[in-house]
Amino acid sequence: MHQDARLLVVVPVRGKNDVLAQCIDTLVTATQACSRASLVLVDNNEVGAPDPVLRRYADAATVLPCSATTVGGVRNAGVAVEPAATHFAFVDCDCLVQPSFCNDVLDIFQETGATIVGCKVVSPSDGHWTERVGDALHREGGDGPRQSMNSGCMAIDAEAFA
């Protein structure tokens, strides 16, 4: 990978208003810390009822209304916003990221030559019991290849995505 690598962070938004602003705040911080990253928030809420939280972020992100019926359709709509991106990161609207997230993602692609990367997603300790049980059942320790990857926070090379 070279210096003109670009990361587009795509966030499908539907509900989750209890943590949505906190999620977007962390993503705005991460994209602003990386000159090669941008953020698109894909509003998949009810037609005619845009998510009121998203209005606050119009200066820091592209806010895109979308009526797709699947999360894949919503992610695809977000990807179309920046055709020049060399990598896409998909982050669910209830995930929080570190300030170094975007730089870390691009560094990992450069260092490893990987096609797709992901990270551990940890359910909140006060989350719903199904979140806590799912987290406990699927937690793998350490880094390295996996049989599957959580799509709540993953990134992929744009050519592989196409």
N, C-alpha and C. Protein backbone atom coordinates (compact mmCIF):
# COMPACT_ATOMS: atom_id res chain seq x y z
N MET A 1 0.85 -1.17 0.00
CA MET A 1 0.00 0.00 0.00
C MET A 1 0.89 1.23 0.00
N HIS A 2 0.38 2.28 -0.57
CA HIS A 2 1.17 3.50 -0.65
C HIS A 2 0.45 4.65 0.03
N GLN A 3 1.06 5.82 0.00
CA GLN A 3 0.56 6.98 0.73
C GLN A 3 -0.83 7.45 0.29
N ASP A 4 -1.27 7.10 -0.91
CA ASP A 4 -2.59 7.58 -1.33
C ASP A 4 -3.69 6.59 -0.96
N ALA A 5 -3.42 5.67 -0.04
CA ALA A 5 -4.46 4.79 0.48
C ALA A 5 -5.52 5.65 1.16
N ARG A 6 -6.78 5.34 0.90
CA ARG A 6 -7.91 6.09 1.48
C ARG A 6 -8.86 5.13 2.15
N LEU A 7 -9.32 5.48 3.34
CA LEU A 7 -10.25 4.66 4.10
C LEU A 7 -11.59 5.39 4.20
N LEU A 8 -12.64 4.71 3.79
CA LEU A 8 -13.99 5.23 3.96
C LEU A 8 -14.65 4.40 5.06
N VAL A 9 -15.06 5.07 6.12
CA VAL A 9 -15.74 4.41 7.24
C VAL A 9 -17.24 4.56 7.01
N VAL A 10 -17.93 3.42 6.91
CA VAL A 10 -19.36 3.39 6.61
C VAL A 10 -20.10 2.89 7.85
N VAL A 11 -21.09 3.67 8.30
CA VAL A 11 -21.86 3.31 9.49
C VAL A 11 -23.34 3.21 9.11
N PRO A 12 -23.89 1.99 9.07
CA PRO A 12 -25.33 1.85 8.87
C PRO A 12 -26.04 2.28 10.15
N VAL A 13 -26.99 3.19 10.04
CA VAL A 13 -27.68 3.71 11.22
C VAL A 13 -29.16 3.34 11.17
N ARG A 14 -29.59 2.62 12.18
CA ARG A 14 -31.01 2.30 12.35
C ARG A 14 -31.23 2.09 13.84
N GLY A 15 -31.86 3.05 14.46
CA GLY A 15 -32.10 2.94 15.90
C GLY A 15 -30.83 3.15 16.70
N LYS A 16 -30.73 2.48 17.83
CA LYS A 16 -29.58 2.53 18.74
C LYS A 16 -29.34 3.94 19.27
N ASN A 17 -30.38 4.74 19.37
CA ASN A 17 -30.20 6.14 19.78
C ASN A 17 -29.58 6.29 21.15
N ASP A 18 -29.64 5.24 21.98
CA ASP A 18 -29.05 5.34 23.31
C ASP A 18 -27.53 5.42 23.26
N VAL A 19 -26.90 4.90 22.22
CA VAL A 19 -25.44 4.95 22.11
C VAL A 19 -24.95 5.58 20.79
N LEU A 20 -25.87 5.98 19.94
CA LEU A 20 -25.51 6.48 18.61
C LEU A 20 -24.56 7.68 18.67
N ALA A 21 -24.88 8.68 19.46
CA ALA A 21 -24.03 9.88 19.52
C ALA A 21 -22.64 9.53 20.03
N GLN A 22 -22.56 8.65 21.01
CA GLN A 22 -21.25 8.25 21.54
C GLN A 22 -20.45 7.52 20.46
N CYS A 23 -21.10 6.65 19.71
CA CYS A 23 -20.45 5.94 18.60
C CYS A 23 -19.90 6.94 17.58
N ILE A 24 -20.75 7.84 17.13
CA ILE A 24 -20.34 8.79 16.09
C ILE A 24 -19.25 9.72 16.60
N ASP A 25 -19.34 10.13 17.86
CA ASP A 25 -18.28 10.98 18.42
C ASP A 25 -16.92 10.29 18.30
N THR A 26 -16.86 9.00 18.62
CA THR A 26 -15.57 8.30 18.55
C THR A 26 -15.10 8.19 17.10
N LEU A 27 -16.03 7.99 16.18
CA LEU A 27 -15.66 7.88 14.76
C LEU A 27 -15.23 9.22 14.17
N VAL A 28 -15.87 10.28 14.57
CA VAL A 28 -15.46 11.61 14.10
C VAL A 28 -14.03 11.89 14.58
N THR A 29 -13.76 11.60 15.84
CA THR A 29 -12.41 11.79 16.37
C THR A 29 -11.40 10.96 15.58
N ALA A 30 -11.73 9.71 15.30
CA ALA A 30 -10.80 8.83 14.58
C ALA A 30 -10.59 9.27 13.14
N THR A 31 -11.64 9.72 12.45
CA THR A 31 -11.47 10.15 11.06
C THR A 31 -10.76 11.49 10.98
N GLN A 32 -10.98 12.36 11.94
CA GLN A 32 -10.28 13.65 11.93
C GLN A 32 -8.80 13.50 12.27
N ALA A 33 -8.45 12.42 12.96
CA ALA A 33 -7.05 12.16 13.30
C ALA A 33 -6.29 11.53 12.14
N CYS A 34 -6.99 11.18 11.06
CA CYS A 34 -6.37 10.50 9.93
C CYS A 34 -6.71 11.28 8.65
N SER A 35 -5.72 11.90 8.05
CA SER A 35 -5.96 12.71 6.86
C SER A 35 -6.43 11.88 5.66
N ARG A 36 -6.32 10.57 5.76
CA ARG A 36 -6.69 9.69 4.65
C ARG A 36 -8.01 8.95 4.90
N ALA A 37 -8.83 9.49 5.82
CA ALA A 37 -10.08 8.81 6.16
C ALA A 37 -11.26 9.77 6.08
N SER A 38 -12.41 9.22 5.75
CA SER A 38 -13.65 10.00 5.77
C SER A 38 -14.77 9.10 6.30
N LEU A 39 -15.85 9.74 6.68
CA LEU A 39 -16.94 9.07 7.38
C LEU A 39 -18.26 9.30 6.66
N VAL A 40 -19.02 8.22 6.47
CA VAL A 40 -20.37 8.33 5.93
C VAL A 40 -21.33 7.61 6.87
N LEU A 41 -22.38 8.32 7.25
CA LEU A 41 -23.42 7.78 8.11
C LEU A 41 -24.64 7.51 7.24
N VAL A 42 -25.00 6.26 7.10
CA VAL A 42 -26.09 5.88 6.20
C VAL A 42 -27.35 5.71 7.04
N ASP A 43 -28.26 6.68 6.91
CA ASP A 43 -29.49 6.73 7.69
C ASP A 43 -30.53 5.80 7.10
N ASN A 44 -30.74 4.68 7.75
CA ASN A 44 -31.68 3.67 7.28
C ASN A 44 -32.92 3.62 8.16
N ASN A 45 -33.27 4.74 8.78
CA ASN A 45 -34.47 4.79 9.60
C ASN A 45 -35.69 4.98 8.71
N GLU A 46 -36.83 5.09 9.30
CA GLU A 46 -38.07 5.19 8.54
C GLU A 46 -38.02 6.33 7.53
N VAL A 47 -38.54 6.08 6.35
CA VAL A 47 -38.59 7.11 5.30
C VAL A 47 -39.37 8.31 5.82
N GLY A 48 -38.84 9.49 5.60
CA GLY A 48 -39.51 10.70 6.05
C GLY A 48 -39.23 11.05 7.50
N ALA A 49 -38.47 10.19 8.20
CA ALA A 49 -38.16 10.46 9.59
C ALA A 49 -36.65 10.30 9.81
N PRO A 50 -35.85 11.26 9.30
CA PRO A 50 -34.40 11.14 9.46
C PRO A 50 -34.01 11.10 10.93
N ASP A 51 -32.98 10.39 11.24
CA ASP A 51 -32.52 10.29 12.61
C ASP A 51 -32.08 11.66 13.10
N PRO A 52 -32.70 12.17 14.16
CA PRO A 52 -32.37 13.52 14.63
C PRO A 52 -30.93 13.64 15.13
N VAL A 53 -30.34 12.56 15.63
CA VAL A 53 -28.96 12.60 16.11
C VAL A 53 -28.01 12.92 14.97
N LEU A 54 -28.30 12.42 13.76
CA LEU A 54 -27.39 12.57 12.63
C LEU A 54 -27.24 14.02 12.19
N ARG A 55 -28.25 14.84 12.40
CA ARG A 55 -28.17 16.24 11.97
C ARG A 55 -26.98 16.96 12.60
N ARG A 56 -26.60 16.55 13.80
CA ARG A 56 -25.48 17.19 14.50
C ARG A 56 -24.14 16.97 13.81
N TYR A 57 -24.07 15.95 12.95
CA TYR A 57 -22.78 15.55 12.38
C TYR A 57 -22.62 15.91 10.91
N ALA A 58 -23.49 16.74 10.39
CA ALA A 58 -23.46 17.08 8.96
C ALA A 58 -22.15 17.75 8.54
N ASP A 59 -21.48 18.43 9.45
CA ASP A 59 -20.21 19.09 9.11
C ASP A 59 -19.01 18.13 9.17
N ALA A 60 -19.14 17.03 9.90
CA ALA A 60 -18.02 16.12 10.10
C ALA A 60 -18.13 14.84 9.28
N ALA A 61 -19.30 14.60 8.69
CA ALA A 61 -19.52 13.34 7.97
C ALA A 61 -20.54 13.57 6.86
N THR A 62 -20.54 12.67 5.90
CA THR A 62 -21.61 12.65 4.91
C THR A 62 -22.77 11.89 5.53
N VAL A 63 -23.95 12.48 5.53
CA VAL A 63 -25.15 11.81 6.04
C VAL A 63 -26.00 11.46 4.83
N LEU A 64 -26.21 10.18 4.62
CA LEU A 64 -26.87 9.68 3.43
C LEU A 64 -28.16 8.96 3.78
N PRO A 65 -29.33 9.46 3.35
CA PRO A 65 -30.57 8.70 3.58
C PRO A 65 -30.58 7.47 2.68
N CYS A 66 -31.13 6.38 3.19
CA CYS A 66 -31.12 5.13 2.43
C CYS A 66 -32.33 4.29 2.82
N SER A 67 -33.02 3.76 1.84
CA SER A 67 -34.19 2.93 2.12
C SER A 67 -33.95 1.46 1.81
N ALA A 68 -32.69 1.04 1.74
CA ALA A 68 -32.38 -0.37 1.48
C ALA A 68 -33.02 -1.25 2.54
N THR A 69 -33.33 -2.47 2.18
CA THR A 69 -34.01 -3.37 3.10
C THR A 69 -33.08 -4.33 3.82
N THR A 70 -31.80 -4.34 3.46
CA THR A 70 -30.83 -5.21 4.14
C THR A 70 -29.63 -4.38 4.57
N VAL A 71 -28.91 -4.88 5.58
CA VAL A 71 -27.71 -4.16 6.02
C VAL A 71 -26.68 -4.16 4.90
N GLY A 72 -26.64 -5.20 4.08
CA GLY A 72 -25.73 -5.21 2.93
C GLY A 72 -26.05 -4.09 1.96
N GLY A 73 -27.33 -3.86 1.70
CA GLY A 73 -27.74 -2.77 0.82
C GLY A 73 -27.37 -1.41 1.39
N VAL A 74 -27.50 -1.28 2.70
CA VAL A 74 -27.15 -0.02 3.36
C VAL A 74 -25.64 0.21 3.26
N ARG A 75 -24.85 -0.83 3.51
CA ARG A 75 -23.40 -0.69 3.40
C ARG A 75 -22.98 -0.37 1.97
N ASN A 76 -23.61 -1.02 1.00
CA ASN A 76 -23.29 -0.75 -0.41
C ASN A 76 -23.59 0.70 -0.77
N ALA A 77 -24.69 1.24 -0.27
CA ALA A 77 -25.03 2.65 -0.53
C ALA A 77 -23.93 3.55 0.03
N GLY A 78 -23.42 3.23 1.21
CA GLY A 78 -22.36 4.02 1.81
C GLY A 78 -21.07 3.96 1.02
N VAL A 79 -20.73 2.79 0.54
CA VAL A 79 -19.50 2.60 -0.25
C VAL A 79 -19.51 3.46 -1.50
N ALA A 80 -20.68 3.63 -2.10
CA ALA A 80 -20.80 4.39 -3.35
C ALA A 80 -20.48 5.87 -3.17
N VAL A 81 -20.43 6.35 -1.94
CA VAL A 81 -20.19 7.77 -1.67
C VAL A 81 -18.78 8.19 -2.09
N GLU A 82 -17.80 7.33 -1.91
CA GLU A 82 -16.41 7.71 -2.22
C GLU A 82 -15.73 6.64 -3.07
N PRO A 83 -15.89 6.73 -4.38
CA PRO A 83 -15.29 5.72 -5.26
C PRO A 83 -13.76 5.66 -5.20
N ALA A 84 -13.11 6.71 -4.74
CA ALA A 84 -11.64 6.73 -4.70
C ALA A 84 -11.07 6.00 -3.49
N ALA A 85 -11.92 5.56 -2.57
CA ALA A 85 -11.43 4.86 -1.38
C ALA A 85 -10.75 3.55 -1.78
N THR A 86 -9.64 3.27 -1.13
CA THR A 86 -8.93 2.01 -1.39
C THR A 86 -9.32 0.93 -0.38
N HIS A 87 -9.94 1.36 0.73
CA HIS A 87 -10.37 0.44 1.77
C HIS A 87 -11.68 0.95 2.38
N PHE A 88 -12.51 0.01 2.80
CA PHE A 88 -13.77 0.35 3.46
C PHE A 88 -13.77 -0.27 4.85
N ALA A 89 -14.19 0.51 5.84
CA ALA A 89 -14.40 -0.03 7.18
C ALA A 89 -15.89 0.06 7.47
N PHE A 90 -16.46 -1.02 7.93
CA PHE A 90 -17.87 -1.06 8.30
C PHE A 90 -17.96 -1.15 9.81
N VAL A 91 -18.60 -0.16 10.42
CA VAL A 91 -18.70 -0.10 11.87
C VAL A 91 -20.17 0.04 12.22
N ASP A 92 -20.69 -0.88 13.04
CA ASP A 92 -22.08 -0.79 13.47
C ASP A 92 -22.29 0.43 14.35
N CYS A 93 -23.52 0.94 14.35
CA CYS A 93 -23.80 2.21 15.02
C CYS A 93 -23.87 2.11 16.55
N ASP A 94 -23.53 0.96 17.09
CA ASP A 94 -23.44 0.85 18.55
C ASP A 94 -22.03 0.47 18.99
N CYS A 95 -21.06 0.63 18.09
CA CYS A 95 -19.65 0.33 18.41
C CYS A 95 -18.88 1.62 18.68
N LEU A 96 -17.96 1.54 19.60
CA LEU A 96 -17.08 2.66 19.91
C LEU A 96 -15.67 2.28 19.46
N VAL A 97 -14.95 3.23 18.89
CA VAL A 97 -13.59 2.96 18.41
C VAL A 97 -12.60 3.88 19.13
N GLN A 98 -11.34 3.48 19.07
CA GLN A 98 -10.26 4.27 19.64
C GLN A 98 -9.92 5.43 18.70
N PRO A 99 -9.34 6.51 19.22
CA PRO A 99 -8.96 7.65 18.36
C PRO A 99 -8.00 7.26 17.23
N SER A 100 -7.22 6.22 17.42
CA SER A 100 -6.25 5.79 16.41
C SER A 100 -6.84 4.79 15.41
N PHE A 101 -8.12 4.51 15.49
CA PHE A 101 -8.75 3.46 14.69
C PHE A 101 -8.42 3.54 13.19
N CYS A 102 -8.66 4.67 12.56
CA CYS A 102 -8.45 4.79 11.11
C CYS A 102 -6.99 4.61 10.73
N ASN A 103 -6.10 5.27 11.46
CA ASN A 103 -4.67 5.09 11.20
C ASN A 103 -4.25 3.64 11.42
N ASP A 104 -4.78 3.02 12.48
CA ASP A 104 -4.44 1.62 12.78
C ASP A 104 -4.90 0.70 11.65
N VAL A 105 -6.11 0.90 11.15
CA VAL A 105 -6.62 0.06 10.07
C VAL A 105 -5.72 0.16 8.84
N LEU A 106 -5.40 1.37 8.43
CA LEU A 106 -4.54 1.54 7.25
C LEU A 106 -3.15 0.96 7.49
N ASP A 107 -2.61 1.13 8.70
CA ASP A 107 -1.30 0.55 9.03
C ASP A 107 -1.32 -0.97 8.96
N ILE A 108 -2.38 -1.57 9.46
CA ILE A 108 -2.48 -3.04 9.44
C ILE A 108 -2.53 -3.56 8.01
N PHE A 109 -3.29 -2.91 7.16
CA PHE A 109 -3.32 -3.33 5.75
C PHE A 109 -1.93 -3.22 5.14
N GLN A 110 -1.24 -2.12 5.41
CA GLN A 110 0.09 -1.92 4.84
C GLN A 110 1.08 -2.95 5.38
N GLU A 111 1.05 -3.20 6.67
CA GLU A 111 2.03 -4.09 7.29
C GLU A 111 1.80 -5.57 6.94
N THR A 112 0.54 -5.96 6.77
CA THR A 112 0.24 -7.38 6.60
C THR A 112 -0.08 -7.79 5.17
N GLY A 113 -0.53 -6.84 4.35
CA GLY A 113 -1.00 -7.20 3.02
C GLY A 113 -2.33 -7.93 3.04
N ALA A 114 -3.02 -7.89 4.18
CA ALA A 114 -4.31 -8.58 4.32
C ALA A 114 -5.36 -7.99 3.38
N THR A 115 -6.35 -8.78 3.08
CA THR A 115 -7.47 -8.34 2.26
C THR A 115 -8.63 -7.86 3.12
N ILE A 116 -8.79 -8.49 4.27
CA ILE A 116 -9.88 -8.13 5.19
C ILE A 116 -9.35 -8.25 6.62
N VAL A 117 -9.71 -7.30 7.45
CA VAL A 117 -9.29 -7.32 8.85
C VAL A 117 -10.48 -6.96 9.73
N GLY A 118 -10.41 -7.38 10.95
CA GLY A 118 -11.47 -7.07 11.90
C GLY A 118 -10.88 -6.94 13.28
N CYS A 119 -11.71 -6.58 14.21
CA CYS A 119 -11.22 -6.45 15.57
C CYS A 119 -12.24 -7.06 16.52
N LYS A 120 -11.78 -7.24 17.72
CA LYS A 120 -12.64 -7.78 18.76
C LYS A 120 -13.72 -6.75 19.08
N VAL A 121 -14.95 -7.21 19.14
CA VAL A 121 -16.06 -6.37 19.54
C VAL A 121 -16.52 -6.89 20.89
N VAL A 122 -16.51 -6.03 21.88
CA VAL A 122 -16.86 -6.44 23.24
C VAL A 122 -18.21 -5.85 23.60
N SER A 123 -19.11 -6.71 24.05
CA SER A 123 -20.44 -6.25 24.47
C SER A 123 -20.32 -5.50 25.79
N PRO A 124 -21.17 -4.49 25.98
CA PRO A 124 -21.11 -3.74 27.23
C PRO A 124 -21.51 -4.62 28.42
N SER A 125 -20.89 -4.37 29.56
CA SER A 125 -21.20 -5.16 30.75
C SER A 125 -22.65 -4.99 31.18
N ASP A 126 -23.26 -3.88 30.83
CA ASP A 126 -24.66 -3.66 31.18
C ASP A 126 -25.59 -3.93 29.98
N GLY A 127 -25.06 -4.60 28.96
CA GLY A 127 -25.86 -4.90 27.78
C GLY A 127 -26.92 -5.96 28.05
N HIS A 128 -27.74 -6.19 27.07
CA HIS A 128 -28.79 -7.21 27.14
C HIS A 128 -28.14 -8.57 27.37
N TRP A 129 -28.83 -9.47 28.04
CA TRP A 129 -28.25 -10.77 28.35
C TRP A 129 -27.83 -11.52 27.09
N THR A 130 -28.54 -11.32 25.99
CA THR A 130 -28.16 -12.02 24.75
C THR A 130 -26.82 -11.52 24.23
N GLU A 131 -26.54 -10.24 24.42
CA GLU A 131 -25.24 -9.69 24.03
C GLU A 131 -24.12 -10.29 24.87
N ARG A 132 -24.35 -10.36 26.17
CA ARG A 132 -23.32 -10.89 27.08
C ARG A 132 -23.05 -12.37 26.80
N VAL A 133 -24.10 -13.16 26.56
CA VAL A 133 -23.92 -14.59 26.28
C VAL A 133 -23.23 -14.78 24.93
N GLY A 134 -23.66 -14.04 23.91
CA GLY A 134 -23.03 -14.14 22.60
C GLY A 134 -21.56 -13.78 22.67
N ASP A 135 -21.25 -12.75 23.45
CA ASP A 135 -19.87 -12.32 23.62
C ASP A 135 -19.05 -13.44 24.27
N ALA A 136 -19.58 -14.02 25.32
CA ALA A 136 -18.85 -15.07 26.03
C ALA A 136 -18.66 -16.32 25.16
N LEU A 137 -19.63 -16.65 24.34
CA LEU A 137 -19.55 -17.85 23.51
C LEU A 137 -18.59 -17.71 22.33
N HIS A 138 -18.41 -16.50 21.83
CA HIS A 138 -17.65 -16.30 20.61
C HIS A 138 -16.31 -15.60 20.79
N ARG A 139 -15.88 -15.41 21.99
CA ARG A 139 -14.64 -14.68 22.24
C ARG A 139 -13.44 -15.59 21.97
N GLU A 140 -12.57 -15.14 21.10
CA GLU A 140 -11.29 -15.80 20.85
C GLU A 140 -10.20 -14.84 21.26
N GLY A 141 -9.18 -15.33 21.89
CA GLY A 141 -8.10 -14.47 22.34
C GLY A 141 -7.00 -14.36 21.29
N GLY A 142 -6.23 -13.29 21.37
CA GLY A 142 -5.06 -13.13 20.52
C GLY A 142 -5.35 -12.65 19.12
N ASP A 143 -4.27 -12.43 18.37
CA ASP A 143 -4.36 -11.98 16.99
C ASP A 143 -4.15 -13.17 16.06
N GLY A 144 -4.50 -12.99 14.81
CA GLY A 144 -4.20 -14.01 13.81
C GLY A 144 -5.41 -14.41 12.99
N PRO A 145 -5.21 -15.37 12.10
CA PRO A 145 -6.30 -15.83 11.23
C PRO A 145 -7.48 -16.39 12.03
N ARG A 146 -8.66 -16.23 11.47
CA ARG A 146 -9.89 -16.72 12.11
C ARG A 146 -10.74 -17.44 11.08
N GLN A 147 -11.62 -18.30 11.57
CA GLN A 147 -12.58 -19.00 10.72
C GLN A 147 -13.70 -18.05 10.30
N SER A 148 -14.01 -17.08 11.15
CA SER A 148 -15.08 -16.13 10.85
C SER A 148 -14.70 -14.78 11.46
N MET A 149 -15.43 -13.76 11.04
CA MET A 149 -15.13 -12.42 11.53
C MET A 149 -16.44 -11.71 11.86
N ASN A 150 -16.44 -11.02 12.97
CA ASN A 150 -17.59 -10.23 13.37
C ASN A 150 -17.72 -9.05 12.42
N SER A 151 -18.88 -8.87 11.84
CA SER A 151 -19.05 -7.78 10.89
C SER A 151 -19.42 -6.46 11.57
N GLY A 152 -19.46 -6.43 12.89
CA GLY A 152 -19.76 -5.19 13.60
C GLY A 152 -18.68 -4.15 13.46
N CYS A 153 -17.45 -4.61 13.18
CA CYS A 153 -16.33 -3.70 13.00
C CYS A 153 -15.27 -4.43 12.18
N MET A 154 -15.30 -4.21 10.89
CA MET A 154 -14.37 -4.89 9.99
C MET A 154 -13.98 -3.95 8.86
N ALA A 155 -12.87 -4.25 8.21
CA ALA A 155 -12.42 -3.44 7.07
C ALA A 155 -11.98 -4.36 5.95
N ILE A 156 -12.14 -3.88 4.72
CA ILE A 156 -11.82 -4.70 3.55
C ILE A 156 -11.18 -3.84 2.47
N ASP A 157 -10.28 -4.45 1.74
CA ASP A 157 -9.68 -3.82 0.57
C ASP A 157 -10.76 -3.59 -0.49
N ALA A 158 -10.78 -2.41 -1.09
CA ALA A 158 -11.84 -2.04 -2.04
C ALA A 158 -11.89 -2.97 -3.26
N GLU A 159 -10.72 -3.40 -3.74
CA GLU A 159 -10.73 -4.31 -4.90
C GLU A 159 -11.36 -5.64 -4.55
N ALA A 160 -11.07 -6.14 -3.36
CA ALA A 160 -11.68 -7.41 -2.93
C ALA A 160 -13.18 -7.23 -2.73
N PHE A 161 -13.57 -6.07 -2.19
CA PHE A 161 -14.99 -5.80 -1.98
C PHE A 161 -15.75 -5.79 -3.31
N ALA A 162 -15.13 -5.18 -4.33
CA ALA A 162 -15.78 -5.11 -5.65
C ALA A 162 -15.92 -6.50 -6.24
